């Protein structure tokens, strides 16, 4: 039987993000101090640092999926709704000035742990299947999705810094690549 959760998991996982962003490393002591709970509380809820990171990965995936689904809701029932939603989500998520150290640290953790990468891989596979199943042109949608993911990774890893106008142009180009053409997804495509 699973133990009941007695502590605010978001509070603990928020502390994980802040500790990683601030310190560049994760310790249970630092997480406990940042969350304002005892080390025993953190370890009761998460048996190890890896378990803390796994919980953060799970929360990140769920939050990203929920955000993308909310962005796709206005297009529900129409062709290409999942892709249109992901493009809209990218529009609503401009890069964070000075980057996001927690994201970079999460990526580093994923590169070191095959099981954690597997969670992201499963999620990406599910997303791509849905996207292609609802695409009016699956090949064009696949290319557009790959371009969109490339844009996001370039931004998250701070490999390229596009200004707002360039980002908007790239997103319009991705719409064109997907065959969404002039109708786009309801934004100025001029």
Protein backbone atom coordinates (compact mmCIF):
# COMPACT_ATOMS: atom_id res chain seq x y z
CA UNK A 1 0.00 0.00 0.00
CA UNK A 2 1.30 3.44 -0.92
CA UNK A 3 2.06 5.90 1.85
CA UNK A 4 -0.28 8.88 1.99
CA UNK A 5 1.24 12.18 0.87
CA UNK A 6 1.27 14.53 3.84
CA UNK A 7 3.40 17.33 2.49
CA UNK A 8 3.00 19.79 -0.34
CA UNK A 9 4.87 18.15 -3.21
CA UNK A 10 4.88 21.30 -5.31
CA UNK A 11 6.61 23.13 -2.45
CA UNK A 12 9.35 20.48 -2.35
CA UNK A 13 9.72 20.32 -6.15
CA UNK A 14 9.76 24.12 -6.39
CA UNK A 15 12.61 24.00 -3.88
CA UNK A 16 14.42 21.45 -6.07
CA UNK A 17 14.17 23.85 -9.03
CA UNK A 18 15.43 26.81 -6.99
CA UNK A 19 18.33 24.84 -5.48
CA UNK A 20 19.45 23.53 -8.85
CA UNK A 21 19.14 26.97 -10.44
CA UNK A 22 21.00 28.68 -7.63
CA UNK A 23 23.64 26.08 -6.73
CA UNK A 24 24.01 24.04 -9.89
CA UNK A 25 23.91 20.88 -7.78
CA UNK A 26 21.21 19.10 -5.85
CA UNK A 27 21.48 18.05 -2.23
CA UNK A 28 18.67 16.83 -0.03
CA UNK A 29 19.84 19.15 2.76
CA UNK A 30 19.60 22.19 0.48
CA UNK A 31 16.15 21.14 -0.76
CA UNK A 32 14.89 20.67 2.80
CA UNK A 33 16.22 24.06 3.86
CA UNK A 34 14.78 25.78 0.77
CA UNK A 35 11.37 24.10 1.24
CA UNK A 36 11.31 24.83 4.96
CA UNK A 37 10.92 21.17 5.88
CA UNK A 38 13.16 18.59 7.50
CA UNK A 39 15.53 16.38 5.56
CA UNK A 40 13.52 13.43 6.87
CA UNK A 41 10.38 14.90 5.28
CA UNK A 42 12.08 15.21 1.91
CA UNK A 43 13.41 11.65 2.16
CA UNK A 44 10.03 10.33 3.34
CA UNK A 45 8.45 11.70 0.18
CA UNK A 46 11.42 11.00 -2.14
CA UNK A 47 13.90 8.30 -1.17
CA UNK A 48 16.84 9.82 -3.03
CA UNK A 49 18.11 12.74 -5.11
CA UNK A 50 17.29 10.71 -8.21
CA UNK A 51 13.71 10.30 -6.95
CA UNK A 52 13.49 14.08 -6.51
CA UNK A 53 14.67 14.62 -10.08
CA UNK A 54 12.30 11.92 -11.37
CA UNK A 55 9.38 13.64 -9.63
CA UNK A 56 10.45 16.96 -11.15
CA UNK A 57 10.65 15.35 -14.62
CA UNK A 58 7.17 13.89 -14.17
CA UNK A 59 5.76 17.24 -13.05
CA UNK A 60 7.48 19.05 -15.93
CA UNK A 61 6.05 16.64 -18.51
CA UNK A 62 2.54 16.92 -17.07
CA UNK A 63 2.68 20.73 -16.91
CA UNK A 64 4.00 20.99 -20.48
CA UNK A 65 1.32 18.62 -21.77
CA UNK A 66 -1.43 20.53 -19.94
CA UNK A 67 -0.19 23.87 -21.31
CA UNK A 68 -0.03 22.52 -24.86
CA UNK A 69 -3.51 20.97 -24.54
CA UNK A 70 -4.92 24.29 -23.32
CA UNK A 71 -3.30 26.06 -26.29
CA UNK A 72 -4.80 23.46 -28.66
CA UNK A 73 -8.32 23.71 -27.18
CA UNK A 74 -9.48 26.55 -29.49
CA UNK A 75 -8.59 24.35 -32.49
CA UNK A 76 -10.27 21.16 -31.17
CA UNK A 77 -12.18 19.21 -33.75
CA UNK A 78 -10.30 20.72 -36.65
CA UNK A 79 -7.42 19.35 -38.64
CA UNK A 80 -3.97 19.86 -37.18
CA UNK A 81 -5.26 20.89 -33.74
CA UNK A 82 -2.32 19.38 -31.79
CA UNK A 83 0.25 21.03 -34.07
CA UNK A 84 -1.57 24.34 -34.02
CA UNK A 85 -1.69 24.12 -30.24
CA UNK A 86 2.05 23.47 -30.00
CA UNK A 87 2.78 26.42 -32.29
CA UNK A 88 0.50 28.61 -30.18
CA UNK A 89 2.24 27.36 -27.03
CA UNK A 90 5.59 28.37 -28.52
CA UNK A 91 4.15 31.83 -29.24
CA UNK A 92 3.07 32.16 -25.63
CA UNK A 93 6.43 30.94 -24.26
CA UNK A 94 9.12 33.38 -25.30
CA UNK A 95 12.65 32.71 -24.11
CA UNK A 96 13.49 33.72 -20.56
CA UNK A 97 16.10 36.50 -20.44
CA UNK A 98 19.32 35.15 -18.96
CA UNK A 99 18.02 31.63 -19.54
CA UNK A 100 16.58 29.22 -17.04
CA UNK A 101 19.30 27.44 -15.04
CA UNK A 102 16.78 24.90 -13.72
CA UNK A 103 15.92 23.81 -17.28
CA UNK A 104 19.60 23.48 -18.16
CA UNK A 105 20.24 21.43 -15.03
CA UNK A 106 17.24 19.24 -15.79
CA UNK A 107 18.59 18.61 -19.29
CA UNK A 108 21.97 17.71 -17.78
CA UNK A 109 20.28 15.24 -15.41
CA UNK A 110 18.40 13.67 -18.31
CA UNK A 111 21.59 13.18 -20.27
CA UNK A 112 23.01 11.19 -17.38
CA UNK A 113 19.99 8.97 -16.67
CA UNK A 114 18.58 6.65 -19.33
CA UNK A 115 15.42 5.94 -17.32
CA UNK A 116 14.58 9.62 -17.01
CA UNK A 117 15.23 10.12 -20.73
CA UNK A 118 12.88 7.20 -21.38
CA UNK A 119 10.04 9.14 -19.71
CA UNK A 120 10.58 12.06 -22.08
CA UNK A 121 10.96 9.68 -25.02
CA UNK A 122 7.63 7.99 -24.23
CA UNK A 123 5.93 11.35 -23.94
CA UNK A 124 7.41 12.58 -27.23
CA UNK A 125 6.31 9.37 -28.97
CA UNK A 126 2.76 9.81 -27.69
CA UNK A 127 2.73 13.46 -28.77
CA UNK A 128 4.05 12.69 -32.24
CA UNK A 129 1.51 9.91 -32.77
CA UNK A 130 -1.35 12.22 -31.81
CA UNK A 131 0.02 15.05 -33.93
CA UNK A 132 0.37 12.83 -37.00
CA UNK A 133 -3.00 11.13 -36.48
CA UNK A 134 -4.78 14.50 -36.54
CA UNK A 135 -2.66 16.08 -39.29
CA UNK A 136 -4.14 17.00 -42.65
CA UNK A 137 -0.69 16.29 -44.16
CA UNK A 138 1.27 14.00 -41.82
CA UNK A 139 4.63 14.41 -43.58
CA UNK A 140 4.43 18.20 -43.53
CA UNK A 141 3.22 18.13 -39.92
CA UNK A 142 6.15 15.91 -38.91
CA UNK A 143 8.65 18.32 -40.49
CA UNK A 144 6.94 21.31 -38.88
CA UNK A 145 6.94 19.58 -35.48
CA UNK A 146 10.65 18.80 -35.82
CA UNK A 147 11.34 22.43 -36.74
CA UNK A 148 9.28 23.63 -33.77
CA UNK A 149 11.08 21.29 -31.37
CA UNK A 150 14.41 22.44 -32.81
CA UNK A 151 13.45 26.07 -32.16
CA UNK A 152 12.48 25.26 -28.58
CA UNK A 153 15.68 23.31 -27.85
CA UNK A 154 17.83 26.03 -29.40
CA UNK A 155 16.15 28.49 -27.03
CA UNK A 156 16.18 26.30 -23.91
CA UNK A 157 19.84 25.43 -24.35
CA UNK A 158 20.64 29.07 -25.16
CA UNK A 159 22.32 28.07 -28.41
CA UNK A 160 20.71 30.90 -30.36
CA UNK A 161 19.09 34.18 -29.34
CA UNK A 162 16.39 35.29 -31.79
CA UNK A 163 14.70 38.61 -31.21
CA UNK A 164 10.91 38.73 -30.96
CA UNK A 165 10.39 39.61 -34.64
CA UNK A 166 12.65 36.75 -35.80
CA UNK A 167 10.86 34.30 -33.51
CA UNK A 168 7.48 35.38 -34.90
CA UNK A 169 8.79 34.97 -38.43
CA UNK A 170 10.15 31.49 -37.64
CA UNK A 171 6.80 30.43 -36.18
CA UNK A 172 5.01 31.70 -39.32
CA UNK A 173 7.53 29.74 -41.43
CA UNK A 174 6.76 26.62 -39.38
CA UNK A 175 3.05 27.14 -40.05
CA UNK A 176 3.82 27.41 -43.76
CA UNK A 177 5.97 24.27 -43.58
CA UNK A 178 3.03 22.46 -41.98
CA UNK A 179 0.80 23.53 -44.85
CA UNK A 180 -1.24 25.80 -42.61
CA UNK A 181 -0.54 28.55 -45.13
CA UNK A 182 -2.24 31.90 -45.06
CA UNK A 183 -4.94 30.82 -42.65
CA UNK A 184 -2.26 29.99 -40.07
CA UNK A 185 -3.73 29.59 -36.65
CA UNK A 186 -5.43 32.89 -36.24
CA UNK A 187 -2.44 35.22 -35.98
CA UNK A 188 -1.03 37.94 -38.17
CA UNK A 189 0.88 36.06 -40.85
CA UNK A 190 1.96 39.14 -42.81
